[in-house]
C-alpha atoms as a PDB file:
ATOM      1  CA  MET A   1      65.920   2.546  12.637  1.00  0.00           C
ATOM      2  CA  PRO A   2      63.532  -0.947  12.953  1.00  0.00           C
ATOM      3  CA  LEU A   3      64.012  -3.238  10.449  1.00  0.00           C
ATOM      4  CA  PRO A   4      61.708  -3.353   7.071  1.00  0.00           C
ATOM      5  CA  GLU A   5      59.127  -6.173   7.714  1.00  0.00           C
ATOM      6  CA  ASN A   6      58.775  -8.414   5.435  1.00  0.00           C
ATOM      7  CA  VAL A   7      55.560 -10.049   5.256  1.00  0.00           C
ATOM      8  CA  ASN A   8      56.900 -13.379   3.381  1.00  0.00           C
ATOM      9  CA  LYS A   9      58.627 -14.130   5.739  1.00  0.00           C
ATOM     10  CA  PRO A  10      60.103 -17.325   6.602  1.00  0.00           C
ATOM     11  CA  PHE A  11      59.863 -19.282  10.264  1.00  0.00           C
ATOM     12  CA  ILE A  12      63.022 -20.209  10.368  1.00  0.00           C
ATOM     13  CA  THR A  13      66.045 -19.108   7.843  1.00  0.00           C
ATOM     14  CA  ILE A  14      69.350 -21.457   7.264  1.00  0.00           C
ATOM     15  CA  ILE A  15      72.832 -19.707   6.403  1.00  0.00           C
ATOM     16  CA  MET A  16      75.632 -21.569   4.254  1.00  0.00           C
ATOM     17  CA  ALA A  17      78.686 -19.500   3.516  1.00  0.00           C
ATOM     18  CA  THR A  18      80.637 -21.842   0.511  1.00  0.00           C
ATOM     19  CA  TYR A  19      83.544 -20.761  -1.316  1.00  0.00           C
ATOM     20  CA  ASN A  20      85.308 -23.647  -3.698  1.00  0.00           C
ATOM     21  CA  HIS A  21      82.933 -26.323  -2.233  1.00  0.00           C
ATOM     22  CA  GLU A  22      82.191 -28.249  -5.558  1.00  0.00           C
ATOM     23  CA  LYS A  23      83.062 -31.676  -3.953  1.00  0.00           C
ATOM     24  CA  TYR A  24      80.764 -30.924  -1.323  1.00  0.00           C
ATOM     25  CA  ILE A  25      77.655 -27.928  -1.867  1.00  0.00           C
ATOM     26  CA  CYS A  26      75.219 -30.105  -3.493  1.00  0.00           C
ATOM     27  CA  GLN A  27      74.897 -32.564  -0.328  1.00  0.00           C
ATOM     28  CA  ALA A  28      75.284 -29.634   1.996  1.00  0.00           C
ATOM     29  CA  ILE A  29      71.273 -28.259  -0.045  1.00  0.00           C
ATOM     30  CA  GLU A  30      70.467 -31.553  -0.236  1.00  0.00           C
ATOM     31  CA  GLY A  31      70.458 -31.590   3.241  1.00  0.00           C
ATOM     32  CA  VAL A  32      68.812 -28.957   3.348  1.00  0.00           C
ATOM     33  CA  LEU A  33      65.940 -29.750   1.306  1.00  0.00           C
ATOM     34  CA  MET A  34      65.389 -32.995   2.203  1.00  0.00           C
ATOM     35  CA  GLN A  35      63.779 -31.273   5.626  1.00  0.00           C
ATOM     36  CA  LYS A  36      60.796 -32.629   6.628  1.00  0.00           C
ATOM     37  CA  THR A  37      59.137 -29.724   8.475  1.00  0.00           C
ATOM     38  CA  SER A  38      55.483 -27.944   9.337  1.00  0.00           C
ATOM     39  CA  PHE A  39      56.923 -24.035   9.020  1.00  0.00           C
ATOM     40  CA  SER A  40      58.163 -22.562   6.205  1.00  0.00           C
ATOM     41  CA  TYR A  41      62.189 -22.298   5.824  1.00  0.00           C
ATOM     42  CA  ARG A  42      64.444 -20.341   3.549  1.00  0.00           C
ATOM     43  CA  LEU A  43      68.276 -20.556   2.784  1.00  0.00           C
ATOM     44  CA  TYR A  44      70.370 -18.009   2.091  1.00  0.00           C
ATOM     45  CA  ILE A  45      74.168 -18.897   1.118  1.00  0.00           C
ATOM     46  CA  GLY A  46      76.937 -16.542   0.678  1.00  0.00           C
ATOM     47  CA  GLU A  47      79.075 -17.498  -2.392  1.00  0.00           C
ATOM     48  CA  ASP A  48      82.373 -16.140  -1.914  1.00  0.00           C
ATOM     49  CA  CYS A  49      83.923 -15.928  -5.099  1.00  0.00           C
ATOM     50  CA  SER A  50      84.825 -19.418  -5.519  1.00  0.00           C
ATOM     51  CA  THR A  51      87.238 -20.364  -8.225  1.00  0.00           C
ATOM     52  CA  ASP A  52      85.535 -23.751  -8.829  1.00  0.00           C
ATOM     53  CA  ASN A  53      82.070 -24.286  -9.907  1.00  0.00           C
ATOM     54  CA  THR A  54      80.557 -24.070  -6.557  1.00  0.00           C
ATOM     55  CA  LYS A  55      78.492 -20.868  -7.642  1.00  0.00           C
ATOM     56  CA  ALA A  56      76.947 -22.343 -10.630  1.00  0.00           C
ATOM     57  CA  LEU A  57      75.764 -25.108  -8.470  1.00  0.00           C
ATOM     58  CA  CYS A  58      74.274 -22.883  -6.204  1.00  0.00           C
ATOM     59  CA  PHE A  59      72.342 -20.668  -9.080  1.00  0.00           C
ATOM     60  CA  ALA A  60      70.875 -23.885 -10.097  1.00  0.00           C
ATOM     61  CA  TYR A  61      69.673 -24.739  -6.803  1.00  0.00           C
ATOM     62  CA  ALA A  62      67.872 -21.482  -6.611  1.00  0.00           C
ATOM     63  CA  GLU A  63      66.492 -21.327  -9.920  1.00  0.00           C
ATOM     64  CA  LYS A  64      64.833 -24.618  -9.074  1.00  0.00           C
ATOM     65  CA  PHE A  65      63.919 -24.090  -5.857  1.00  0.00           C
ATOM     66  CA  MET A  66      63.559 -20.317  -6.106  1.00  0.00           C
ATOM     67  CA  ASP A  67      60.559 -19.729  -2.996  1.00  0.00           C
ATOM     68  CA  LYS A  68      63.918 -21.360  -1.251  1.00  0.00           C
ATOM     69  CA  ILE A  69      66.626 -20.494  -1.715  1.00  0.00           C
ATOM     70  CA  GLU A  70      68.920 -16.727  -2.226  1.00  0.00           C
ATOM     71  CA  ILE A  71      72.662 -17.174  -3.551  1.00  0.00           C
ATOM     72  CA  ILE A  72      74.023 -13.853  -1.412  1.00  0.00           C
ATOM     73  CA  CYS A  73      77.193 -13.266  -3.460  1.00  0.00           C
ATOM     74  CA  THR A  74      80.754 -11.486  -2.265  1.00  0.00           C
ATOM     75  CA  GLU A  75      81.905  -8.706  -4.622  1.00  0.00           C
ATOM     76  CA  GLN A  76      85.408 -10.430  -4.114  1.00  0.00           C
ATOM     77  CA  ASN A  77      86.679 -12.744  -1.619  1.00  0.00           C
ATOM     78  CA  ASP A  78      86.289 -11.855   1.678  1.00  0.00           C
ATOM     79  CA  TYR A  79      85.128 -14.126   4.698  1.00  0.00           C
ATOM     80  CA  ARG A  80      84.139 -11.810   7.013  1.00  0.00           C
ATOM     81  CA  GLN A  81      81.819  -9.738   4.093  1.00  0.00           C
ATOM     82  CA  ASN A  82      80.739 -12.842   3.052  1.00  0.00           C
ATOM     83  CA  CYS A  83      79.413 -13.951   6.380  1.00  0.00           C
ATOM     84  CA  ARG A  84      78.099 -10.547   7.247  1.00  0.00           C
ATOM     85  CA  ASN A  85      75.977 -10.714   4.196  1.00  0.00           C
ATOM     86  CA  ILE A  86      74.290 -13.996   4.803  1.00  0.00           C
ATOM     87  CA  TRP A  87      73.585 -12.843   8.412  1.00  0.00           C
ATOM     88  CA  LYS A  88      72.063  -9.766   7.763  1.00  0.00           C
ATOM     89  CA  ALA A  89      69.613 -11.249   5.406  1.00  0.00           C
ATOM     90  CA  SER A  90      68.936 -13.638   7.907  1.00  0.00           C
ATOM     91  CA  LYS A  91      68.183 -11.168  10.468  1.00  0.00           C
ATOM     92  CA  VAL A  92      66.078  -8.911   7.554  1.00  0.00           C
ATOM     93  CA  SER A  93      63.796 -11.681   6.669  1.00  0.00           C
ATOM     94  CA  GLY A  94      62.389 -11.558  10.034  1.00  0.00           C
ATOM     95  CA  ALA A  95      63.006 -15.285  10.756  1.00  0.00           C
ATOM     96  CA  LYS A  96      62.361 -16.523  14.147  1.00  0.00           C
ATOM     97  CA  TYR A  97      64.778 -19.044  14.446  1.00  0.00           C
ATOM     98  CA  ILE A  98      68.321 -19.184  12.684  1.00  0.00           C
ATOM     99  CA  ALA A  99      70.248 -22.537  11.560  1.00  0.00           C
ATOM    100  CA  VAL A 100      73.630 -23.074  10.014  1.00  0.00           C
ATOM    101  CA  CYS A 101      74.998 -25.345   8.159  1.00  0.00           C
ATOM    102  CA  ASP A 102      78.666 -24.343   6.027  1.00  0.00           C
ATOM    103  CA  GLY A 103      78.414 -25.936   2.559  1.00  0.00           C
ATOM    104  CA  ASP A 104      81.196 -28.495   3.303  1.00  0.00           C
ATOM    105  CA  ASP A 105      78.913 -29.958   5.677  1.00  0.00           C
ATOM    106  CA  TYR A 106      75.480 -31.553   5.694  1.00  0.00           C
ATOM    107  CA  TRP A 107      72.741 -32.794   7.564  1.00  0.00           C
ATOM    108  CA  THR A 108      71.517 -36.632   7.915  1.00  0.00           C
ATOM    109  CA  ASP A 109      68.471 -36.045   9.584  1.00  0.00           C
ATOM    110  CA  PRO A 110      65.710 -34.937   7.378  1.00  0.00           C
ATOM    111  CA  TYR A 111      63.597 -34.047  11.149  1.00  0.00           C
ATOM    112  CA  LYS A 112      66.712 -31.927  12.320  1.00  0.00           C
ATOM    113  CA  LEU A 113      65.167 -28.626  12.171  1.00  0.00           C
ATOM    114  CA  GLN A 114      61.104 -29.800  13.379  1.00  0.00           C
ATOM    115  CA  LYS A 115      62.989 -31.942  16.408  1.00  0.00           C
ATOM    116  CA  GLN A 116      64.537 -28.916  17.573  1.00  0.00           C
ATOM    117  CA  VAL A 117      61.868 -25.877  16.836  1.00  0.00           C
ATOM    118  CA  ASP A 118      59.064 -28.182  18.417  1.00  0.00           C
ATOM    119  CA  PHE A 119      61.462 -28.538  22.160  1.00  0.00           C
ATOM    120  CA  LEU A 120      61.841 -24.619  21.917  1.00  0.00           C
ATOM    121  CA  GLU A 121      58.245 -23.590  21.594  1.00  0.00           C
ATOM    122  CA  ALA A 122      57.850 -25.514  24.438  1.00  0.00           C
ATOM    123  CA  HIS A 123      60.452 -23.921  26.786  1.00  0.00           C
ATOM    124  CA  LEU A 124      60.835 -20.876  26.582  1.00  0.00           C
ATOM    125  CA  ASP A 125      63.707 -20.036  28.650  1.00  0.00           C
ATOM    126  CA  PHE A 126      65.835 -21.936  26.050  1.00  0.00           C
ATOM    127  CA  VAL A 127      67.217 -20.097  23.647  1.00  0.00           C
ATOM    128  CA  GLY A 128      69.417 -22.809  21.212  1.00  0.00           C
ATOM    129  CA  ALA A 129      69.538 -26.491  20.368  1.00  0.00           C
ATOM    130  CA  SER A 130      72.798 -28.219  19.236  1.00  0.00           C
ATOM    131  CA  HIS A 131      73.080 -32.067  19.140  1.00  0.00           C
ATOM    132  CA  ASN A 132      75.604 -34.573  18.312  1.00  0.00           C
ATOM    133  CA  VAL A 133      77.157 -34.055  15.126  1.00  0.00           C
ATOM    134  CA  GLU A 134      79.458 -36.946  13.097  1.00  0.00           C
ATOM    135  CA  ASN A 135      82.837 -36.828  13.060  1.00  0.00           C
ATOM    136  CA  TRP A 136      83.265 -34.222  16.410  1.00  0.00           C
ATOM    137  CA  LEU A 137      83.912 -34.751  19.760  1.00  0.00           C
ATOM    138  CA  TYR A 138      81.764 -33.530  22.617  1.00  0.00           C
ATOM    139  CA  SER A 139      82.269 -33.763  26.099  1.00  0.00           C
ATOM    140  CA  LEU A 140      79.176 -34.456  27.417  1.00  0.00           C
ATOM    141  CA  PRO A 141      80.335 -34.662  31.635  1.00  0.00           C
ATOM    142  CA  ASN A 142      80.645 -31.015  30.812  1.00  0.00           C
ATOM    143  CA  MET A 143      77.376 -30.120  29.944  1.00  0.00           C
ATOM    144  CA  ALA A 144      74.331 -30.063  32.965  1.00  0.00           C
ATOM    145  CA  PHE A 145      71.615 -32.843  32.851  1.00  0.00           C
ATOM    146  CA  ASP A 146      67.576 -31.463  33.597  1.00  0.00           C
ATOM    147  CA  THR A 147      66.488 -34.933  35.238  1.00  0.00           C
ATOM    148  CA  LYS A 148      63.023 -33.566  35.230  1.00  0.00           C
ATOM    149  CA  LEU A 149      63.499 -32.282  31.106  1.00  0.00           C
ATOM    150  CA  ASN A 150      65.765 -35.826  30.917  1.00  0.00           C
ATOM    151  CA  ILE A 151      68.088 -33.833  28.655  1.00  0.00           C
ATOM    152  CA  TYR A 152      71.574 -32.346  28.804  1.00  0.00           C
ATOM    153  CA  TYR A 153      72.318 -28.810  27.851  1.00  0.00           C
ATOM    154  CA  ALA A 154      74.765 -25.764  28.385  1.00  0.00           C
ATOM    155  CA  ASP A 155      74.638 -22.315  29.546  1.00  0.00           C
ATOM    156  CA  THR A 156      76.939 -19.980  29.215  1.00  0.00           C
ATOM    157  CA  THR A 157      79.550 -21.166  31.690  1.00  0.00           C
ATOM    158  CA  THR A 158      80.077 -24.405  30.140  1.00  0.00           C
ATOM    159  CA  ILE A 159      80.383 -22.757  27.028  1.00  0.00           C
ATOM    160  CA  ILE A 160      83.075 -20.464  27.610  1.00  0.00           C
ATOM    161  CA  GLN A 161      84.762 -23.067  29.687  1.00  0.00           C
ATOM    162  CA  ASN A 162      84.750 -25.560  26.296  1.00  0.00           C
ATOM    163  CA  ASN A 163      82.529 -24.467  23.536  1.00  0.00           C
ATOM    164  CA  PRO A 164      80.669 -28.564  22.764  1.00  0.00           C
ATOM    165  CA  PHE A 165      78.711 -27.128  19.813  1.00  0.00           C
ATOM    166  CA  HIS A 166      79.243 -27.614  16.144  1.00  0.00           C
ATOM    167  CA  THR A 167      78.258 -25.043  13.555  1.00  0.00           C
ATOM    168  CA  SER A 168      76.550 -27.595  11.340  1.00  0.00           C
ATOM    169  CA  SER A 169      74.080 -28.694  14.553  1.00  0.00           C
ATOM    170  CA  LEU A 170      72.900 -24.940  16.032  1.00  0.00           C
ATOM    171  CA  LEU A 171      69.609 -23.235  15.915  1.00  0.00           C
ATOM    172  CA  PHE A 172      69.187 -20.531  18.242  1.00  0.00           C
ATOM    173  CA  ARG A 173      65.985 -17.528  18.415  1.00  0.00           C
ATOM    174  CA  SER A 174      67.042 -14.693  15.782  1.00  0.00           C
ATOM    175  CA  GLU A 175      66.451 -12.355  18.829  1.00  0.00           C
ATOM    176  CA  VAL A 176      70.174 -12.882  19.544  1.00  0.00           C
ATOM    177  CA  VAL A 177      71.131 -11.535  16.245  1.00  0.00           C
ATOM    178  CA  SER A 178      72.042  -7.373  17.015  1.00  0.00           C
ATOM    179  CA  ASP A 179      74.384  -5.128  16.025  1.00  0.00           C
ATOM    180  CA  LYS A 180      76.690  -6.444  18.947  1.00  0.00           C
ATOM    181  CA  LEU A 181      77.374  -9.343  17.785  1.00  0.00           C
ATOM    182  CA  PHE A 182      77.729  -8.781  14.306  1.00  0.00           C
ATOM    183  CA  ALA A 183      81.109  -7.038  16.210  1.00  0.00           C
ATOM    184  CA  MET A 184      82.152  -9.807  18.550  1.00  0.00           C
ATOM    185  CA  LEU A 185      81.864 -12.033  15.252  1.00  0.00           C
ATOM    186  CA  ASN A 186      83.584  -9.796  12.950  1.00  0.00           C
ATOM    187  CA  ALA A 187      86.062  -9.308  15.769  1.00  0.00           C
ATOM    188  CA  ASN A 188      86.859 -12.638  16.167  1.00  0.00           C
ATOM    189  CA  CYS A 189      88.965 -15.433  14.400  1.00  0.00           C
ATOM    190  CA  VAL A 190      86.444 -17.454  14.509  1.00  0.00           C
ATOM    191  CA  GLY A 191      82.818 -17.824  14.542  1.00  0.00           C
ATOM    192  CA  ASP A 192      81.539 -20.344  16.684  1.00  0.00           C
ATOM    193  CA  TYR A 193      82.315 -19.894  19.767  1.00  0.00           C
ATOM    194  CA  PRO A 194      81.673 -15.979  19.542  1.00  0.00           C
ATOM    195  CA  LEU A 195      78.066 -17.107  18.472  1.00  0.00           C
ATOM    196  CA  CYS A 196      77.512 -19.649  21.059  1.00  0.00           C
ATOM    197  CA  VAL A 197      78.618 -17.286  24.251  1.00  0.00           C
ATOM    198  CA  TYR A 198      76.558 -14.467  22.789  1.00  0.00           C
ATOM    199  CA  SER A 199      73.731 -16.538  22.112  1.00  0.00           C
ATOM    200  CA  SER A 200      73.656 -18.083  25.744  1.00  0.00           C
ATOM    201  CA  LEU A 201      73.474 -14.959  27.329  1.00  0.00           C
ATOM    202  CA  PHE A 202      69.622 -15.330  26.413  1.00  0.00           C
ATOM    203  CA  GLY A 203      68.972 -18.904  27.595  1.00  0.00           C
ATOM    204  CA  LYS A 204      70.439 -22.056  27.610  1.00  0.00           C
ATOM    205  CA  TYR A 205      70.817 -24.971  25.114  1.00  0.00           C
ATOM    206  CA  ILE A 206      69.365 -28.097  24.745  1.00  0.00           C
ATOM    207  CA  PHE A 207      71.712 -30.874  23.572  1.00  0.00           C
ATOM    208  CA  PHE A 208      70.335 -33.608  21.463  1.00  0.00           C
ATOM    209  CA  GLU A 209      72.258 -36.637  21.561  1.00  0.00           C
ATOM    210  CA  GLU A 210      71.210 -37.981  18.644  1.00  0.00           C
ATOM    211  CA  TYR A 211      73.098 -37.721  15.505  1.00  0.00           C
ATOM    212  CA  MET A 212      71.734 -35.534  12.838  1.00  0.00           C
ATOM    213  CA  SER A 213      74.750 -33.884  10.519  1.00  0.00           C
ATOM    214  CA  THR A 214      78.341 -34.429   9.628  1.00  0.00           C
ATOM    215  CA  TYR A 215      81.273 -32.533   9.717  1.00  0.00           C
ATOM    216  CA  ARG A 216      83.253 -33.162   6.867  1.00  0.00           C
ATOM    217  CA  LEU A 217      87.014 -33.358   7.345  1.00  0.00           C
ATOM    218  CA  HIS A 218      89.484 -32.155   4.077  1.00  0.00           C
ATOM    219  CA  ASN A 219      91.947 -30.767   4.302  1.00  0.00           C
ATOM    220  CA  VAL A 220      90.742 -27.654   2.321  1.00  0.00           C
ATOM    221  CA  GLY A 221      88.506 -26.565   5.102  1.00  0.00           C
ATOM    222  CA  VAL A 222      89.269 -22.993   6.857  1.00  0.00           C
ATOM    223  CA  TYR A 223      89.441 -24.711  10.650  1.00  0.00           C
ATOM    224  CA  THR A 224      90.063 -28.770   9.567  1.00  0.00           C
ATOM    225  CA  SER A 225      93.403 -27.111   6.838  1.00  0.00           C
ATOM    226  CA  LEU A 226      95.315 -25.940   9.893  1.00  0.00           C
ATOM    227  CA  ASN A 227      97.788 -28.113  11.903  1.00  0.00           C
ATOM    228  CA  ASN A 228      97.090 -28.802  15.942  1.00  0.00           C
ATOM    229  CA  ILE A 229      99.366 -26.343  16.836  1.00  0.00           C
ATOM    230  CA  GLN A 230      97.556 -23.825  14.188  1.00  0.00           C
ATOM    231  CA  LYS A 231      93.996 -24.869  15.862  1.00  0.00           C
ATOM    232  CA  ALA A 232      95.180 -24.223  19.348  1.00  0.00           C
ATOM    233  CA  GLU A 233      96.610 -20.600  18.680  1.00  0.00           C
ATOM    234  CA  MET A 234      93.435 -20.106  17.351  1.00  0.00           C
ATOM    235  CA  HIS A 235      91.387 -21.108  20.084  1.00  0.00           C
ATOM    236  CA  LEU A 236      93.514 -18.716  22.410  1.00  0.00           C
ATOM    237  CA  LEU A 237      93.186 -15.980  20.170  1.00  0.00           C
ATOM    238  CA  SER A 238      89.476 -16.650  20.027  1.00  0.00           C
ATOM    239  CA  ARG A 239      88.993 -16.447  23.648  1.00  0.00           C
ATOM    240  CA  GLU A 240      91.235 -13.384  24.057  1.00  0.00           C
ATOM    241  CA  GLN A 241      89.367 -11.516  22.043  1.00  0.00           C
ATOM    242  CA  ILE A 242      85.749 -12.075  23.764  1.00  0.00           C
ATOM    243  CA  LYS A 243      86.772 -10.892  26.415  1.00  0.00           C
ATOM    244  CA  GLY A 244      86.087  -7.563  25.051  1.00  0.00           C
ATOM    245  CA  TYR A 245      82.634  -8.302  25.165  1.00  0.00           C
END
């Protein structure tokens, strides 16, 4: 069954999952609102039954920026359901592109979206765009270099071997969102890895060397709260899970 067409569809949607981020959510939202673009965008915030003031802060922004922000709440705390909700809303919106920024990270460049979209609109063989992120270690030697375009880029093989992209840097064509992607995300213990692997089957990813977002390091994050052994186990499990797809 075809998805319903949204006559007011944005050109880009941004998905932002949040839970107990009252210290950080305002900066995350402001990073989206400061974007200077020649196109429309809409921010979908997935609020996952926070026990602090996160929900109230999100709704305060949504009330002030009704044309740009929509809040989608889970009925009970469920990280996977929260992610599914905002992914599906983003797809149904009819947007051409989707960007991602979790509620405890934030964008730092007001032209981030415009730079990424401008490149993808001009290079149809690329499916997505990424960039450097503060507090995140990239491995540029593992990415290819296009001497004609003078850019670094990654293909499926590169991403499978060493996913170099942080979630807050990602922007990609919405055509990659499908039931198969939802199944992969639901079955996987992490989200950015299967997303990057699957979407790269549709084209390459450009990598901008500019720093355009910040990965916030704190001890209550889903990933940063783990110790090194737990992180290694999560990455190994994620690779095993994705083999089936």
